[in-house]
Each structure stands twice: as structure tokens, then as C-alpha cells.
Amino acid sequence: MANILVIDDNETIREGVAAVAAKMGYQVHVAPSGEPGIKLYRSRRMDFVISDLKMEGMDGIQVLKAILEVDEDAVVMLITAFGTIEIAVEAMKLGAFDFITKPFTPDMLRAKIGQALEVSRVKKERTRLREENQILRSDAKGPTDFASMIGSSGPMREVFETVRKVAQTDSSVLIMGESGTGKELIARSLHDLSRRKDRSFIRVNCGALAETLLESELFGHEKGSFTGAVKRKLGRFELADGGSIFLDEIGEISPALQLKLLRVLQEREFERVGGEETLAVDVRVIGATNRDLEAMVQAGTFREDLYYRLHIIPIRLPPLRQRTDDIEPLARHFFGKLAERTGKRLSGLSPEALAVLCGYRWPGNVRELENVIEQAMIFADGEVLAPNDLPSNLCKRPANASSLILEKEGTLQITYRGAPLPDLLDEIEKLIISKAYEDSGRVKTETARLLGVKTSALYYKLEKYGIE
């Protein structure tokens, strides 16, 4: 419903104009003079302002200038007598939408209101599209449709099946996984497969901005709300209305912002920074993190109520070291993607090079694999990628060196075959934690008690080793 503000020190005219607008089905606000009218305009978004030209205190020209100072897209119409038409025309040069002369009929007023609200709608849509396009251009990362995602391993098939099932819902989704596992690709796929696909997908990197800047980025701000706020700015929640918003690195949000985000998830409403108007929003929230939010909840650094609001649909992405079946198809995908950039066209991987890639732990996951493939393609001499084309740090450990043999009948036998000590210790620790986790019936607090560690430390280890 459109909001119309009527400012006039003549009560008869003020109430008469308000009555006509109200009968048209609009929300009407009235003010007896310029100062309270400006205050009302600042407190909520008005779609149209009707102001008398001659008033005690602030006149209509001053009201016009003050409102345009607050909002350059404001639509303001002045009421004038015949003797002040020249002044009204001058006001239009300053930015007024139109003027209406006394006396005027209800039909004339209704026509002006209809025209003004259409102008207001077009202006707001133009502003929204301009800011949305600026964000989309800065976030553009090429094709991200679901079909382009690479993965045929068991863990990834489970992820894809979950995405297909939940995409059509509006439930909040929390995507968890190490850096470089493809969390944004999953978020975009959720949007592209949803009923919101024709509306905006807005991305926010919550870890890249200071708290004050992040609040403005999420919720927008009013002109003058802080130093540097030279004009009203629409927030990303507002721009994502009807679509999806992707909050990457959501674990980095401060406690104060966590509370405001919780309100958006619960009530679907918020206020801009420095504003008083409550804005309603219809948006699907997709969060992502490489941190252990459950451990952060226990440590008191992440709100428990917000965690459960986000955790309605959890999707955990496996690290690349747990989906080695996908390494070869991913590499082939990167061969095609990077051919133009590197000036090389490779037909495949040698068995030896594939063994090296499959034996590496990939702390940077798929993102690191892409970087490695690009570097290797630059130095490759043949049509097939060979081990000597790969970065030297990948070849420090023989790819087929199995360092551990687990005997399930009560003993753990270790066979050392040249593996670095940190890798050996990681494998031993993973086996011990896995055994304790199963023995405790997969109850985390009991597992932590058996191992003699804090529960938060256990969460970290379960995440590190991908123990489900």
C-alpha cells in the first residue's frame, strides 16, 4: 500500500486532501506544517508528498528542498493559488513533480495522485535495478548452473540429491565445509532450481567488511546516518526481496549483527541504518561457513537461536581428499576452462600424474586444484599432463604410499612407507576418534569424555577429518 504525506497548515484543505487519498485505498499521513512533515518523511518511506506552498514557518519551497535533500527520488507536488503559479513553476525546476491550483476538484486530485504514484514506482524500481546491477556486476563469476557442477563420488551425489529436494522450499539453508569446497556454487544452485530463480541472487561476504560497514551493506542506510552517507542506500536484503541472499562466512558476524539478522529470519523485517521505517522483505537466506558454528555456540560467540534458524537445512560439503574419484573429472573440466587463459589444450592426465593428485591432501580443496592445474598447464610440454608438470610440493610423498593398516581385532598395526610424520599422526588420530565416536553411539559429549578432550575440540576434529 502506497504511503502519502499531506502537509498543509489549513486544516480544511489538509483533511480534505487526506480523505480523497484515503478513499483511493492509500495510507495517508498528515502534518500541520513543514517541520513535523519533514520529521514524518524521515521516519518512514513516503511514496508521494503533497504540500501547500504558502505556510507559516517553512514554506513549500523549503519543504521541497528539505525532502529532496533526504531523498533525491522523492515525488513532491505543491498546492498553490493563482497568484503564485510562477513560484510553483520555479519549484518544478528545483525538482517538484507538479503543482495543483486552488480550488481543485476531487477528480483532479485523484488524477494527480495516480500520476505521481506511477512516477514514484518507476523511480524506485530504477534505483533498485541500478544498485542491484552494480552488485551483480561486481559479483559476476560466470556460469554457475547446477548441471555445470562436477562430482560423481558418493559424497557429492548425496549433496546434489539434498539440493534437489530442498531447492523448491523457502527454508533457510546452512552450507558447511572447508574453504574452496564450492559453497557458493551450491548456494547458486539452490537459487537457480527454486521458484525464485527469476529474481535476484545477492551475495554478501560477511568476513570482508567491518561491523559498521557490514550493517549498512546488509540493511542499507539513510542519508546523513553516518559520516560518508551522502545519499540513501538500499541494503542487500532489500535488493534481494523476492529472491535469495547468500551470506558467506556467516560465522564472522558480530554478536550485535547476529541479533539483527535473527530478527530478519524470524520477522522478515528490518530498518535501514539511521532510519525509523520498518521494511518488510520476502527473501530466502542461505548461509555458509568454514567454521564450526556448533562449537562457537558452546563457546558463546555465536547465538544459539540464530544457529538453529540457519540450520533448518544443513548441507555439509566434503573436502576434496574425501572425494578423490572426482579429481580426474574436475581436472578435465579445468583443462577446458583454462585453455584460453593458458594458451594450452591438454587431452588428459597421465596415470602417474593422476596418482600424485589423488595422493595429495588438498588443504585448499577444489580451488587449490584449479590453481594447480592452471600452473601445470602453463609449464606442460605435451598434450597429456605428466608428474613433472605438477608443482614440486605435490610430489613429496609417493601417491600410493599407504602408511597405516588397521587390524580390527583389537590391535592397530602401523606400516611405515616413507610418509611424513604429521600425516602419520593425523591418520592415527582420525582412527582413534572414529573408534571412540562409534563406541559412544555417535554421541559427541560422550565421545569427548572418552577421549578426555573438550567438546569444542572434538567438534573441530570431527570437522577436520570429515567424520560424520
Protein backbone atom coordinates (compact mmCIF):
# COMPACT_ATOMS: atom_id res chain seq x y z
CA MET A 1 0.00 0.00 0.00
CA ALA A 2 1.40 3.40 -1.00
CA ASN A 3 2.13 6.00 1.69
CA ILE A 4 1.06 9.59 1.02
CA LEU A 5 2.09 12.59 3.16
CA VAL A 6 -0.07 15.74 3.22
CA ILE A 7 1.49 18.94 4.65
CA ASP A 8 -0.78 21.96 4.97
CA ASP A 9 -1.45 24.50 7.73
CA ASN A 10 -5.07 24.84 6.59
CA GLU A 11 -6.92 22.07 8.40
CA THR A 12 -9.85 22.03 5.95
CA ILE A 13 -7.63 21.54 2.91
CA ARG A 14 -5.33 19.13 4.77
CA GLU A 15 -8.14 16.86 5.90
CA GLY A 16 -9.96 17.10 2.56
CA VAL A 17 -6.90 16.02 0.56
CA ALA A 18 -6.25 13.24 3.07
CA ALA A 19 -9.85 11.98 2.77
CA VAL A 20 -9.62 11.75 -1.04
CA ALA A 21 -6.35 9.82 -0.88
CA ALA A 22 -7.66 7.51 1.85
CA LYS A 23 -10.76 6.65 -0.20
CA MET A 24 -8.42 5.62 -3.03
CA GLY A 25 -7.06 2.94 -0.68
CA TYR A 26 -3.75 4.57 0.31
CA GLN A 27 -2.15 5.03 3.72
CA VAL A 28 -2.27 8.77 4.48
CA HIS A 29 -0.13 10.75 6.95
CA VAL A 30 -0.76 14.43 7.72
CA ALA A 31 1.31 17.28 9.18
CA PRO A 32 0.15 20.85 10.03
CA SER A 33 3.46 22.47 8.99
CA GLY A 34 6.83 21.85 7.37
CA GLU A 35 8.94 20.78 10.36
CA PRO A 36 6.73 17.88 11.56
CA GLY A 37 6.18 16.94 7.90
CA ILE A 38 9.93 16.56 7.32
CA LYS A 39 10.19 14.54 10.52
CA LEU A 40 7.42 12.22 9.31
CA TYR A 41 9.16 11.80 5.96
CA ARG A 42 12.41 10.83 7.67
CA SER A 43 10.62 8.27 9.87
CA ARG A 44 9.16 6.19 7.05
CA ARG A 45 9.30 5.82 3.29
CA MET A 46 6.70 8.04 1.60
CA ASP A 47 5.69 7.41 -1.99
CA PHE A 48 4.19 10.86 -2.57
CA VAL A 49 4.17 14.22 -0.75
CA ILE A 50 1.52 16.93 -1.21
CA SER A 51 2.50 20.27 0.38
CA ASP A 52 0.96 23.71 0.45
CA LEU A 53 3.22 26.41 -0.99
CA LYS A 54 2.37 29.21 1.44
CA MET A 55 2.64 28.17 5.10
CA GLU A 56 3.78 29.66 8.38
CA GLY A 57 7.35 28.71 9.19
CA MET A 58 8.79 26.56 6.41
CA ASP A 59 7.11 27.31 3.08
CA GLY A 60 6.56 24.76 0.32
CA ILE A 61 9.87 25.55 -1.44
CA GLN A 62 11.79 24.89 1.78
CA VAL A 63 9.83 21.67 2.34
CA LEU A 64 10.66 20.56 -1.21
CA LYS A 65 14.37 21.25 -0.79
CA ALA A 66 14.50 19.51 2.60
CA ILE A 67 12.73 16.39 1.31
CA LEU A 68 14.92 16.18 -1.81
CA GLU A 69 17.93 16.52 0.48
CA VAL A 70 16.73 13.41 2.31
CA ASP A 71 15.71 11.51 -0.83
CA GLU A 72 16.66 12.71 -4.30
CA ASP A 73 13.99 10.43 -5.82
CA ALA A 74 11.15 11.93 -3.75
CA VAL A 75 7.94 12.86 -5.59
CA VAL A 76 6.53 16.18 -4.28
CA MET A 77 3.50 18.15 -5.51
CA LEU A 78 2.68 21.68 -4.37
CA ILE A 79 -0.73 23.29 -3.75
CA THR A 80 -0.72 26.90 -4.91
CA ALA A 81 -3.04 29.87 -5.51
CA PHE A 82 -3.27 31.57 -8.90
CA GLY A 83 -1.01 34.40 -7.75
CA THR A 84 1.88 32.06 -7.01
CA ILE A 85 1.89 29.93 -10.18
CA GLU A 86 5.23 31.43 -11.26
CA ILE A 87 6.76 30.32 -7.96
CA ALA A 88 5.26 26.84 -8.42
CA VAL A 89 6.81 26.60 -11.90
CA GLU A 90 10.14 27.60 -10.39
CA ALA A 91 9.64 24.83 -7.81
CA MET A 92 9.30 22.30 -10.62
CA LYS A 93 12.70 23.40 -11.91
CA LEU A 94 14.04 22.61 -8.45
CA GLY A 95 12.64 19.08 -8.67
CA ALA A 96 8.93 19.21 -7.80
CA PHE A 97 6.76 16.67 -9.63
CA ASP A 98 3.86 19.03 -10.33
CA PHE A 99 1.55 21.65 -8.80
CA ILE A 100 -2.19 21.97 -8.42
CA THR A 101 -4.03 25.31 -8.14
CA LYS A 102 -6.79 26.21 -5.70
CA PRO A 103 -9.61 25.47 -5.92
CA PHE A 104 -9.35 21.93 -7.29
CA THR A 105 -11.86 19.12 -7.68
CA PRO A 106 -11.54 15.64 -6.15
CA ASP A 107 -11.29 14.18 -9.66
CA MET A 108 -8.36 16.43 -10.49
CA LEU A 109 -6.65 15.46 -7.23
CA ARG A 110 -7.23 11.75 -7.86
CA ALA A 111 -5.70 12.05 -11.33
CA LYS A 112 -2.61 13.80 -9.95
CA ILE A 113 -2.21 11.19 -7.20
CA GLY A 114 -2.39 8.37 -9.74
CA GLN A 115 0.22 10.01 -11.99
CA ALA A 116 2.52 10.78 -9.07
CA LEU A 117 2.44 7.24 -7.65
CA GLU A 118 3.32 5.79 -11.07
CA VAL A 119 6.30 8.19 -11.27
CA SER A 120 7.29 7.17 -7.74
CA ARG A 121 7.08 3.48 -8.61
CA VAL A 122 9.24 3.90 -11.72
CA LYS A 123 11.85 5.93 -9.81
CA LYS A 124 12.13 3.38 -7.02
CA GLU A 125 12.34 0.48 -9.44
CA ARG A 126 15.01 2.29 -11.44
CA THR A 127 17.04 2.92 -8.27
CA ARG A 128 16.65 -0.69 -7.14
CA LEU A 129 17.71 -2.04 -10.53
CA ARG A 130 20.70 0.31 -10.71
CA GLU A 131 22.02 -0.75 -7.31
CA GLU A 132 21.18 -4.39 -7.94
CA ASN A 133 23.04 -4.35 -11.27
CA GLN A 134 26.08 -2.77 -9.64
CA ILE A 135 26.16 -5.61 -7.10
CA LEU A 136 25.54 -8.32 -9.68
CA ARG A 137 28.31 -6.98 -11.92
CA SER A 138 30.76 -6.93 -9.04
CA ASP A 139 29.77 -10.47 -8.03
CA ALA A 140 29.65 -11.97 -11.53
CA LYS A 141 31.58 -15.23 -11.66
CA GLY A 142 30.41 -16.86 -14.86
CA PRO A 143 28.09 -19.87 -15.28
CA THR A 144 27.07 -21.49 -12.03
CA ASP A 145 24.13 -23.66 -13.06
CA PHE A 146 23.65 -26.98 -11.27
CA ALA A 147 24.44 -29.05 -14.34
CA SER A 148 27.92 -27.49 -14.58
CA MET A 149 28.95 -28.77 -11.14
CA ILE A 150 31.43 -31.63 -11.23
CA GLY A 151 31.11 -34.61 -8.92
CA SER A 152 30.12 -38.24 -9.26
CA SER A 153 31.56 -39.55 -6.00
CA GLY A 154 29.22 -40.87 -3.32
CA PRO A 155 29.57 -37.84 -1.01
CA MET A 156 28.80 -35.39 -3.82
CA ARG A 157 25.84 -37.40 -5.10
CA GLU A 158 24.34 -37.08 -1.61
CA VAL A 159 24.91 -33.31 -1.69
CA PHE A 160 23.28 -32.98 -5.12
CA GLU A 161 20.27 -35.02 -4.01
CA THR A 162 19.82 -32.79 -0.96
CA VAL A 163 20.00 -29.67 -3.12
CA ARG A 164 17.31 -31.02 -5.46
CA LYS A 165 15.00 -31.83 -2.56
CA VAL A 166 15.28 -28.52 -0.69
CA ALA A 167 15.63 -26.07 -3.59
CA GLN A 168 11.86 -25.68 -4.05
CA THR A 169 11.33 -24.77 -0.39
CA ASP A 170 11.86 -21.38 1.27
CA SER A 171 13.63 -22.88 4.29
CA SER A 172 16.93 -21.38 5.40
CA VAL A 173 19.98 -23.42 4.42
CA LEU A 174 23.39 -23.57 6.12
CA ILE A 175 26.22 -24.81 3.89
CA MET A 176 29.25 -26.04 5.82
CA GLY A 177 32.65 -27.04 4.52
CA GLU A 178 36.30 -26.13 4.30
CA SER A 179 37.44 -23.19 2.18
CA GLY A 180 37.46 -23.98 -1.51
CA THR A 181 34.89 -26.78 -1.46
CA GLY A 182 32.33 -24.91 -3.59
CA LYS A 183 29.86 -23.48 -1.08
CA GLU A 184 28.87 -20.58 -3.32
CA LEU A 185 28.23 -22.93 -6.26
CA ILE A 186 25.81 -24.90 -4.09
CA ALA A 187 24.11 -21.69 -2.94
CA ARG A 188 23.65 -20.51 -6.52
CA SER A 189 22.30 -23.93 -7.49
CA LEU A 190 19.73 -23.74 -4.69
CA HIS A 191 18.59 -20.41 -6.11
CA ASP A 192 18.62 -21.50 -9.77
CA LEU A 193 16.47 -24.55 -9.01
CA SER A 194 13.99 -22.61 -6.87
CA ARG A 195 10.80 -20.71 -7.69
CA ARG A 196 12.87 -17.55 -7.01
CA LYS A 197 15.22 -18.16 -9.93
CA ASP A 198 13.90 -15.19 -11.92
CA ARG A 199 14.65 -12.79 -9.06
CA SER A 200 17.96 -11.65 -7.62
CA PHE A 201 20.67 -13.82 -6.09
CA ILE A 202 22.59 -11.41 -3.85
CA ARG A 203 25.92 -12.39 -2.28
CA VAL A 204 27.49 -10.83 0.83
CA ASN A 205 30.94 -11.75 2.13
CA CYS A 206 30.39 -11.21 5.84
CA GLY A 207 34.07 -11.65 6.64
CA ALA A 208 35.29 -8.94 4.28
CA LEU A 209 33.74 -5.86 5.94
CA ALA A 210 33.98 -4.13 9.31
CA GLU A 211 30.88 -4.38 11.51
CA THR A 212 29.55 -0.87 10.75
CA LEU A 213 30.05 -1.26 7.01
CA LEU A 214 28.53 -4.75 7.02
CA GLU A 215 25.38 -3.47 8.77
CA SER A 216 24.95 -0.81 6.10
CA GLU A 217 25.66 -3.35 3.36
CA LEU A 218 23.03 -5.75 4.71
CA PHE A 219 20.28 -3.31 5.72
CA GLY A 220 21.09 -0.10 3.84
CA HIS A 221 21.25 3.39 5.36
CA GLU A 222 19.59 6.77 5.26
CA LYS A 223 21.35 9.89 4.07
CA GLY A 224 23.36 11.50 6.87
CA SER A 225 23.12 8.47 9.17
CA PHE A 226 26.92 8.42 9.49
CA THR A 227 29.96 10.19 8.05
CA GLY A 228 30.11 9.46 4.34
CA ALA A 229 26.41 8.57 3.99
CA VAL A 230 25.78 11.20 1.31
CA LYS A 231 22.63 9.55 -0.05
CA ARG A 232 20.12 6.85 0.82
CA LYS A 233 21.49 3.38 0.10
CA LEU A 234 19.39 0.25 -0.35
CA GLY A 235 20.69 -2.74 1.60
CA ARG A 236 21.25 -6.15 0.11
CA PHE A 237 18.27 -7.64 1.95
CA GLU A 238 16.09 -5.00 0.29
CA LEU A 239 17.64 -5.70 -3.13
CA ALA A 240 17.15 -9.45 -2.66
CA ASP A 241 13.42 -9.07 -1.99
CA GLY A 242 11.63 -11.92 -3.77
CA GLY A 243 14.93 -13.71 -4.38
CA SER A 244 17.77 -15.23 -2.35
CA ILE A 245 20.58 -13.77 -0.26
CA PHE A 246 23.81 -15.71 0.26
CA LEU A 247 25.65 -14.82 3.48
CA ASP A 248 29.15 -16.20 3.02
CA GLU A 249 31.43 -16.56 6.06
CA ILE A 250 28.43 -16.04 8.32
CA GLY A 251 30.46 -17.16 11.34
CA GLU A 252 32.33 -13.84 11.21
CA ILE A 253 29.25 -11.71 12.06
CA SER A 254 29.47 -9.83 15.36
CA PRO A 255 27.02 -10.60 18.21
CA ALA A 256 25.20 -7.27 17.67
CA LEU A 257 24.62 -8.00 14.00
CA GLN A 258 23.67 -11.60 14.81
CA LEU A 259 20.70 -10.24 16.77
CA LYS A 260 19.56 -8.06 13.84
CA LEU A 261 19.96 -10.96 11.43
CA LEU A 262 17.89 -13.16 13.74
CA ARG A 263 15.07 -10.62 13.58
CA VAL A 264 15.10 -10.71 9.75
CA LEU A 265 14.89 -14.50 9.82
CA GLN A 266 12.09 -14.52 12.39
CA GLU A 267 10.01 -11.47 11.46
CA ARG A 268 11.09 -10.83 7.85
CA GLU A 269 11.55 -7.13 8.59
CA PHE A 270 14.30 -4.61 9.40
CA GLU A 271 15.18 -0.89 9.44
CA ARG A 272 17.88 0.88 7.49
CA VAL A 273 20.78 2.31 9.49
CA GLY A 274 19.64 5.73 10.72
CA GLY A 275 16.04 5.07 9.65
CA GLU A 276 12.83 4.53 11.57
CA GLU A 277 10.69 2.91 8.88
CA THR A 278 10.24 -0.84 9.22
CA LEU A 279 10.69 -2.59 5.88
CA ALA A 280 9.18 -6.00 5.14
CA VAL A 281 11.15 -8.42 2.98
CA ASP A 282 10.49 -11.78 1.33
CA VAL A 283 13.86 -13.43 0.90
CA ARG A 284 15.42 -16.86 1.24
CA VAL A 285 18.55 -16.87 3.40
CA ILE A 286 21.43 -19.20 2.54
CA GLY A 287 24.38 -19.10 4.92
CA ALA A 288 27.82 -20.61 4.52
CA THR A 289 30.77 -21.08 6.81
CA ASN A 290 34.05 -22.95 7.16
CA ARG A 291 33.88 -22.55 10.93
CA ASP A 292 32.34 -24.89 13.49
CA LEU A 293 29.23 -22.91 14.47
CA GLU A 294 28.11 -25.55 16.94
CA ALA A 295 31.39 -25.18 18.82
CA MET A 296 31.04 -21.38 18.61
CA VAL A 297 27.56 -21.68 20.16
CA GLN A 298 29.03 -23.65 23.06
CA ALA A 299 31.81 -21.09 23.40
CA GLY A 300 29.25 -18.26 23.49
CA THR A 301 30.50 -16.49 20.35
CA PHE A 302 27.53 -17.37 18.13
CA ARG A 303 23.88 -17.09 19.14
CA GLU A 304 22.19 -20.44 19.63
CA ASP A 305 18.79 -19.19 18.40
CA LEU A 306 20.36 -17.82 15.22
CA TYR A 307 22.26 -21.07 14.67
CA TYR A 308 19.05 -23.11 14.75
CA ARG A 309 17.27 -20.60 12.50
CA LEU A 310 20.04 -21.04 9.92
CA HIS A 311 20.49 -24.76 10.49
CA ILE A 312 17.00 -25.79 9.33
CA ILE A 313 18.53 -27.46 6.27
CA PRO A 314 22.24 -28.30 6.79
CA ILE A 315 24.41 -29.20 3.79
CA ARG A 316 27.95 -30.35 4.53
CA LEU A 317 30.39 -30.32 1.62
CA PRO A 318 33.12 -32.98 1.76
CA PRO A 319 36.74 -31.90 1.34
CA LEU A 320 38.45 -32.93 -1.88
CA ARG A 321 40.61 -35.51 -0.10
CA GLN A 322 37.41 -37.44 0.69
CA ARG A 323 36.19 -37.42 -2.90
CA THR A 324 39.27 -38.42 -4.88
CA ASP A 325 37.03 -40.04 -7.54
CA ASP A 326 36.14 -36.50 -8.61
CA ILE A 327 39.73 -35.31 -9.11
CA GLU A 328 40.09 -36.57 -12.68
CA PRO A 329 36.76 -35.16 -13.99
CA LEU A 330 37.48 -31.88 -12.19
CA ALA A 331 40.92 -31.71 -13.80
CA ARG A 332 39.42 -32.33 -17.25
CA HIS A 333 36.88 -29.59 -16.59
CA PHE A 334 39.67 -27.17 -15.71
CA PHE A 335 41.62 -28.15 -18.85
CA GLY A 336 38.74 -26.79 -20.92
CA LYS A 337 38.05 -23.80 -18.72
CA LEU A 338 41.69 -22.64 -18.63
CA ALA A 339 42.68 -23.45 -22.21
CA GLU A 340 42.25 -19.90 -23.49
CA ARG A 341 43.91 -18.29 -20.49
CA THR A 342 46.98 -20.54 -20.60
CA GLY A 343 47.19 -20.99 -24.36
CA LYS A 344 47.40 -24.77 -23.87
CA ARG A 345 44.98 -27.56 -24.75
CA LEU A 346 45.56 -30.81 -22.87
CA SER A 347 43.76 -34.02 -23.60
CA GLY A 348 44.12 -35.63 -20.19
CA LEU A 349 46.21 -36.81 -17.24
CA SER A 350 48.87 -39.49 -17.24
CA PRO A 351 48.17 -42.30 -14.73
CA GLU A 352 51.22 -41.20 -12.74
CA ALA A 353 50.05 -37.57 -12.56
CA LEU A 354 46.56 -38.69 -11.51
CA ALA A 355 48.13 -40.83 -8.75
CA VAL A 356 50.03 -37.79 -7.48
CA LEU A 357 46.88 -35.65 -7.44
CA CYS A 358 44.89 -38.35 -5.66
CA GLY A 359 47.59 -38.79 -3.01
CA TYR A 360 47.77 -35.11 -2.08
CA ARG A 361 45.71 -33.86 0.91
CA TRP A 362 44.37 -30.68 -0.81
CA PRO A 363 44.06 -28.25 2.12
CA GLY A 364 42.69 -25.66 -0.36
CA ASN A 365 40.28 -28.18 -1.89
CA VAL A 366 38.80 -27.63 -5.38
CA ARG A 367 40.03 -24.04 -5.53
CA GLU A 368 43.58 -25.24 -4.91
CA LEU A 369 43.18 -27.98 -7.54
CA GLU A 370 42.15 -25.38 -10.13
CA ASN A 371 45.22 -23.27 -9.28
CA VAL A 372 47.48 -26.33 -9.53
CA ILE A 373 46.01 -27.31 -12.91
CA GLU A 374 46.48 -23.78 -14.26
CA GLN A 375 50.12 -23.71 -13.12
CA ALA A 376 50.75 -27.19 -14.54
CA MET A 377 49.18 -26.32 -17.89
CA ILE A 378 51.47 -23.32 -18.27
CA PHE A 379 54.59 -25.50 -17.86
CA ALA A 380 53.30 -28.61 -19.65
CA ASP A 381 55.22 -29.63 -22.79
CA GLY A 382 52.98 -32.43 -24.04
CA GLU A 383 49.29 -32.97 -24.65
CA VAL A 384 48.96 -35.09 -21.50
CA LEU A 385 49.71 -33.75 -18.03
CA ALA A 386 52.70 -35.57 -16.52
CA PRO A 387 54.02 -35.66 -12.93
CA ASN A 388 56.96 -33.39 -13.75
CA ASP A 389 54.46 -30.70 -14.87
CA LEU A 390 52.97 -30.53 -11.37
CA PRO A 391 54.21 -28.24 -8.58
CA SER A 392 57.02 -29.87 -6.61
CA ASN A 393 55.18 -29.74 -3.27
CA LEU A 394 52.61 -32.24 -4.58
CA CYS A 395 55.25 -34.87 -5.25
CA LYS A 396 56.96 -35.01 -1.85
CA ARG A 397 55.06 -38.13 -0.81
CA PRO A 398 54.57 -41.12 -3.13
CA ALA A 399 50.95 -41.06 -4.20
CA ASN A 400 50.38 -44.76 -3.46
CA ALA A 401 52.17 -44.78 -0.11
CA SER A 402 49.78 -46.39 2.36
CA SER A 403 51.11 -45.66 5.84
CA LEU A 404 48.57 -47.43 8.03
CA ILE A 405 46.93 -50.82 8.24
CA LEU A 406 44.11 -51.14 10.76
CA GLU A 407 43.52 -54.59 12.23
CA LYS A 408 40.01 -54.60 13.66
CA GLU A 409 40.69 -57.46 16.06
CA GLY A 410 41.98 -55.43 18.94
CA THR A 411 45.31 -54.14 17.61
CA LEU A 412 46.44 -51.25 15.43
CA GLN A 413 49.39 -52.13 13.18
CA ILE A 414 51.36 -49.36 11.52
CA THR A 415 53.39 -49.89 8.37
CA TYR A 416 55.77 -47.02 7.67
CA ARG A 417 56.41 -46.38 3.96
CA GLY A 418 58.07 -43.01 3.83
CA ALA A 419 55.06 -40.95 4.88
CA PRO A 420 55.79 -37.64 6.69
CA LEU A 421 55.29 -37.82 10.46
CA PRO A 422 52.43 -35.22 10.53
CA ASP A 423 50.45 -37.34 8.05
CA LEU A 424 51.04 -40.47 10.13
CA LEU A 425 49.87 -38.71 13.30
CA ASP A 426 46.77 -37.32 11.54
CA GLU A 427 45.79 -40.79 10.34
CA ILE A 428 46.31 -42.31 13.79
CA GLU A 429 44.27 -39.54 15.44
CA LYS A 430 41.46 -39.93 12.90
CA LEU A 431 41.26 -43.69 13.52
CA ILE A 432 41.18 -43.28 17.29
CA ILE A 433 38.49 -40.56 17.18
CA SER A 434 36.41 -42.62 14.73
CA LYS A 435 36.59 -45.68 17.03
CA ALA A 436 35.62 -43.63 20.12
CA TYR A 437 32.78 -41.97 18.20
CA GLU A 438 31.32 -45.35 17.22
CA ASP A 439 31.81 -46.79 20.73
CA SER A 440 29.88 -43.86 22.24
CA GLY A 441 26.94 -44.39 19.92
CA ARG A 442 27.91 -41.24 17.98
CA VAL A 443 27.10 -39.03 20.98
CA LYS A 444 29.56 -36.15 20.85
CA THR A 445 29.59 -35.31 24.57
CA GLU A 446 30.24 -38.95 25.46
CA THR A 447 32.95 -39.20 22.80
CA ALA A 448 34.67 -36.13 24.25
CA ARG A 449 34.50 -37.70 27.73
CA LEU A 450 36.04 -40.97 26.50
CA LEU A 451 38.88 -39.12 24.79
CA GLY A 452 39.41 -36.68 27.65
CA VAL A 453 39.03 -33.57 25.47
CA LYS A 454 36.70 -30.58 25.43
CA THR A 455 33.56 -30.95 23.33
CA SER A 456 34.54 -27.89 21.27
CA ALA A 457 37.88 -29.53 20.46
CA LEU A 458 36.07 -32.72 19.40
CA TYR A 459 33.81 -30.74 17.04
CA TYR A 460 36.89 -29.28 15.40
CA LYS A 461 38.47 -32.72 14.95
CA LEU A 462 35.28 -34.24 13.53
CA GLU A 463 35.11 -31.40 11.04
CA LYS A 464 38.84 -31.63 10.21
CA TYR A 465 38.73 -35.34 9.44
CA GLY A 466 35.26 -35.36 7.88
CA ILE A 467 33.90 -37.87 10.40
CA GLU A 468 30.13 -37.98 10.02
